[in-house]
Amino acid sequence: MSRTAYIRARVEPELKKSAEQILKDLGITASQAVTMLYKCIQRKHGWPLELKIPNEETQKIFEETDKGVGIVECSGPDEMFKK
C-alpha cells in the first residue's frame, strides 16, 4: 500500500525557479528530484555529496578566479597539458 508524505521547505524564489527549469529540461519533477535525493541518502546512510570547507589556499584561488585573476585559457587538452 502506497502512502504519501509531504515535505515543506523554504528556498529563495529565484533558486526555486531556476532549479525547477533545469529539472523540467531533464524531464524530472521537483517531487521526483526530492525522492531521488532521499533514496540516495537512504542508500548511502548519509549525505550523497561531498561537503567540504575549502582550505585557505583553495579559498584564495576561488576568490581570485571569481575576479578573473590567474585564469589560463587553452585551445584544447594538449595545450592545457603543455602549460
N, C-alpha and C. Protein backbone atom coordinates (compact mmCIF):
# COMPACT_ATOMS: atom_id res chain seq x y z
N MET A 1 0.84 -1.17 0.00
CA MET A 1 0.00 0.00 0.00
C MET A 1 0.89 1.24 0.00
N SER A 2 0.64 2.13 -0.92
CA SER A 2 1.45 3.33 -1.05
C SER A 2 0.86 4.46 -0.21
N ARG A 3 1.73 5.17 0.46
CA ARG A 3 1.32 6.33 1.23
C ARG A 3 2.12 7.53 0.75
N THR A 4 1.59 8.69 0.99
CA THR A 4 2.27 9.91 0.59
C THR A 4 2.58 10.73 1.82
N ALA A 5 3.81 11.20 1.92
CA ALA A 5 4.20 12.11 3.00
C ALA A 5 4.59 13.42 2.35
N TYR A 6 4.37 14.50 3.03
CA TYR A 6 4.67 15.82 2.49
C TYR A 6 5.92 16.40 3.15
N ILE A 7 6.69 17.12 2.34
CA ILE A 7 7.88 17.82 2.81
C ILE A 7 7.69 19.29 2.45
N ARG A 8 7.93 20.15 3.40
CA ARG A 8 7.86 21.59 3.14
C ARG A 8 9.25 22.17 3.36
N ALA A 9 9.66 22.99 2.42
CA ALA A 9 10.98 23.63 2.54
C ALA A 9 10.88 25.05 2.00
N ARG A 10 11.61 25.95 2.61
CA ARG A 10 11.65 27.33 2.14
C ARG A 10 12.97 27.55 1.41
N VAL A 11 12.86 28.06 0.19
CA VAL A 11 14.04 28.40 -0.61
C VAL A 11 13.78 29.75 -1.27
N GLU A 12 14.85 30.39 -1.70
CA GLU A 12 14.72 31.66 -2.39
C GLU A 12 13.93 31.46 -3.69
N PRO A 13 13.01 32.36 -4.00
CA PRO A 13 12.17 32.20 -5.19
C PRO A 13 12.97 32.02 -6.49
N GLU A 14 14.04 32.78 -6.66
CA GLU A 14 14.84 32.65 -7.89
C GLU A 14 15.55 31.30 -7.97
N LEU A 15 16.01 30.79 -6.83
CA LEU A 15 16.63 29.47 -6.79
C LEU A 15 15.62 28.41 -7.20
N LYS A 16 14.42 28.50 -6.64
CA LYS A 16 13.35 27.55 -6.97
C LYS A 16 13.04 27.58 -8.45
N LYS A 17 12.86 28.77 -8.99
CA LYS A 17 12.52 28.94 -10.40
C LYS A 17 13.62 28.36 -11.30
N SER A 18 14.86 28.70 -11.00
CA SER A 18 15.99 28.25 -11.80
C SER A 18 16.15 26.73 -11.74
N ALA A 19 16.10 26.19 -10.53
CA ALA A 19 16.28 24.75 -10.36
C ALA A 19 15.14 23.98 -11.01
N GLU A 20 13.91 24.47 -10.86
CA GLU A 20 12.77 23.76 -11.45
C GLU A 20 12.81 23.79 -12.97
N GLN A 21 13.37 24.86 -13.56
CA GLN A 21 13.51 24.90 -15.02
C GLN A 21 14.52 23.84 -15.48
N ILE A 22 15.61 23.71 -14.73
CA ILE A 22 16.62 22.70 -15.07
C ILE A 22 16.01 21.31 -14.93
N LEU A 23 15.28 21.08 -13.85
CA LEU A 23 14.62 19.79 -13.66
C LEU A 23 13.64 19.52 -14.80
N LYS A 24 12.88 20.53 -15.21
CA LYS A 24 11.94 20.38 -16.31
C LYS A 24 12.68 19.97 -17.58
N ASP A 25 13.81 20.64 -17.85
CA ASP A 25 14.60 20.30 -19.03
C ASP A 25 15.09 18.85 -18.97
N LEU A 26 15.32 18.36 -17.76
CA LEU A 26 15.76 16.97 -17.58
C LEU A 26 14.59 15.99 -17.57
N GLY A 27 13.37 16.52 -17.54
CA GLY A 27 12.19 15.66 -17.50
C GLY A 27 11.90 15.12 -16.12
N ILE A 28 12.31 15.87 -15.08
CA ILE A 28 12.16 15.42 -13.69
C ILE A 28 11.34 16.48 -12.94
N THR A 29 10.37 16.04 -12.17
CA THR A 29 9.62 16.98 -11.34
C THR A 29 10.39 17.24 -10.05
N ALA A 30 10.02 18.31 -9.36
CA ALA A 30 10.65 18.61 -8.07
C ALA A 30 10.42 17.45 -7.09
N SER A 31 9.24 16.87 -7.10
CA SER A 31 8.95 15.74 -6.22
C SER A 31 9.84 14.55 -6.54
N GLN A 32 10.05 14.28 -7.83
CA GLN A 32 10.93 13.18 -8.22
C GLN A 32 12.37 13.46 -7.79
N ALA A 33 12.81 14.71 -7.92
CA ALA A 33 14.16 15.08 -7.51
C ALA A 33 14.36 14.88 -6.01
N VAL A 34 13.38 15.29 -5.22
CA VAL A 34 13.48 15.11 -3.76
C VAL A 34 13.47 13.62 -3.43
N THR A 35 12.62 12.86 -4.09
CA THR A 35 12.59 11.40 -3.86
C THR A 35 13.92 10.77 -4.20
N MET A 36 14.53 11.19 -5.31
CA MET A 36 15.85 10.66 -5.69
C MET A 36 16.89 11.00 -4.64
N LEU A 37 16.86 12.24 -4.14
CA LEU A 37 17.79 12.64 -3.09
C LEU A 37 17.60 11.79 -1.84
N TYR A 38 16.37 11.62 -1.40
CA TYR A 38 16.09 10.82 -0.21
C TYR A 38 16.53 9.37 -0.38
N LYS A 39 16.29 8.80 -1.57
CA LYS A 39 16.71 7.41 -1.81
C LYS A 39 18.23 7.28 -1.77
N CYS A 40 18.92 8.28 -2.29
CA CYS A 40 20.38 8.28 -2.27
C CYS A 40 20.88 8.39 -0.83
N ILE A 41 20.27 9.26 -0.05
CA ILE A 41 20.62 9.38 1.38
C ILE A 41 20.40 8.05 2.08
N GLN A 42 19.29 7.42 1.80
CA GLN A 42 18.97 6.13 2.41
C GLN A 42 20.00 5.07 2.04
N ARG A 43 20.36 5.01 0.75
CA ARG A 43 21.34 4.01 0.29
C ARG A 43 22.71 4.22 0.91
N LYS A 44 23.14 5.48 0.99
CA LYS A 44 24.49 5.79 1.48
C LYS A 44 24.54 5.97 2.99
N HIS A 45 23.37 6.01 3.62
CA HIS A 45 23.29 6.27 5.06
C HIS A 45 24.00 7.58 5.42
N GLY A 46 23.83 8.57 4.56
CA GLY A 46 24.45 9.88 4.79
C GLY A 46 24.19 10.78 3.60
N TRP A 47 24.77 11.94 3.65
CA TRP A 47 24.60 12.92 2.58
C TRP A 47 25.31 12.41 1.34
N PRO A 48 24.67 12.43 0.18
CA PRO A 48 25.25 11.82 -1.02
C PRO A 48 26.33 12.64 -1.72
N LEU A 49 26.51 13.87 -1.32
CA LEU A 49 27.52 14.72 -1.94
C LEU A 49 28.61 15.05 -0.94
N GLU A 50 29.81 15.21 -1.43
CA GLU A 50 30.90 15.57 -0.55
C GLU A 50 30.75 17.04 -0.13
N LEU A 51 30.76 17.27 1.15
CA LEU A 51 30.68 18.63 1.68
C LEU A 51 31.99 18.93 2.40
N LYS A 52 32.69 19.94 1.90
CA LYS A 52 33.97 20.28 2.50
C LYS A 52 34.10 21.79 2.57
N ILE A 53 34.76 22.26 3.57
CA ILE A 53 35.10 23.67 3.66
C ILE A 53 36.49 23.80 3.05
N PRO A 54 36.64 24.64 2.02
CA PRO A 54 37.94 24.74 1.37
C PRO A 54 39.01 25.30 2.31
N ASN A 55 40.24 24.79 2.15
CA ASN A 55 41.33 25.34 2.96
C ASN A 55 41.65 26.75 2.48
N GLU A 56 42.52 27.44 3.19
CA GLU A 56 42.83 28.84 2.87
C GLU A 56 43.35 29.03 1.45
N GLU A 57 44.22 28.13 1.02
CA GLU A 57 44.79 28.24 -0.33
C GLU A 57 43.71 28.08 -1.40
N THR A 58 42.86 27.08 -1.23
CA THR A 58 41.78 26.86 -2.19
C THR A 58 40.80 28.03 -2.19
N GLN A 59 40.45 28.53 -1.01
CA GLN A 59 39.53 29.66 -0.92
C GLN A 59 40.10 30.89 -1.63
N LYS A 60 41.42 31.12 -1.46
CA LYS A 60 42.08 32.25 -2.12
C LYS A 60 41.99 32.10 -3.64
N ILE A 61 42.22 30.89 -4.14
CA ILE A 61 42.15 30.64 -5.58
C ILE A 61 40.73 30.86 -6.09
N PHE A 62 39.73 30.39 -5.33
CA PHE A 62 38.33 30.63 -5.72
C PHE A 62 38.06 32.13 -5.85
N GLU A 63 38.50 32.89 -4.86
CA GLU A 63 38.26 34.33 -4.87
C GLU A 63 38.97 35.00 -6.05
N GLU A 64 40.20 34.57 -6.34
CA GLU A 64 40.95 35.14 -7.46
C GLU A 64 40.30 34.82 -8.80
N THR A 65 39.92 33.56 -8.99
CA THR A 65 39.31 33.19 -10.27
C THR A 65 37.94 33.84 -10.44
N ASP A 66 37.22 34.05 -9.35
CA ASP A 66 35.94 34.77 -9.45
C ASP A 66 36.16 36.18 -9.99
N LYS A 67 37.35 36.74 -9.70
CA LYS A 67 37.69 38.09 -10.18
C LYS A 67 38.40 38.05 -11.54
N GLY A 68 38.62 36.84 -12.08
CA GLY A 68 39.28 36.70 -13.37
C GLY A 68 40.79 36.69 -13.28
N VAL A 69 41.35 36.57 -12.08
CA VAL A 69 42.80 36.59 -11.88
C VAL A 69 43.35 35.17 -12.00
N GLY A 70 44.45 35.02 -12.74
CA GLY A 70 45.15 33.73 -12.80
C GLY A 70 44.50 32.69 -13.68
N ILE A 71 43.57 33.08 -14.53
CA ILE A 71 42.91 32.12 -15.41
C ILE A 71 43.76 31.93 -16.66
N VAL A 72 43.99 30.68 -17.02
CA VAL A 72 44.76 30.35 -18.21
C VAL A 72 43.81 29.72 -19.21
N GLU A 73 43.77 30.26 -20.41
CA GLU A 73 42.90 29.72 -21.45
C GLU A 73 43.69 28.84 -22.39
N CYS A 74 43.10 27.72 -22.77
CA CYS A 74 43.75 26.77 -23.67
C CYS A 74 42.78 26.41 -24.79
N SER A 75 43.35 26.08 -25.94
CA SER A 75 42.51 25.71 -27.09
C SER A 75 42.08 24.25 -27.04
N GLY A 76 42.70 23.48 -26.18
CA GLY A 76 42.34 22.07 -26.08
C GLY A 76 43.18 21.37 -25.03
N PRO A 77 42.94 20.08 -24.83
CA PRO A 77 43.66 19.34 -23.79
C PRO A 77 45.18 19.28 -24.00
N ASP A 78 45.61 19.17 -25.25
CA ASP A 78 47.06 19.09 -25.50
C ASP A 78 47.74 20.36 -25.04
N GLU A 79 47.18 21.51 -25.38
CA GLU A 79 47.77 22.78 -24.96
C GLU A 79 47.71 22.91 -23.43
N MET A 80 46.62 22.45 -22.86
CA MET A 80 46.47 22.54 -21.40
C MET A 80 47.57 21.75 -20.70
N PHE A 81 47.83 20.54 -21.16
CA PHE A 81 48.86 19.72 -20.52
C PHE A 81 50.25 20.27 -20.75
N LYS A 82 50.47 20.95 -21.84
CA LYS A 82 51.76 21.58 -22.09
C LYS A 82 51.99 22.73 -21.12
N LYS A 83 50.92 23.49 -20.82
CA LYS A 83 51.04 24.62 -19.90
C LYS A 83 51.16 24.12 -18.48
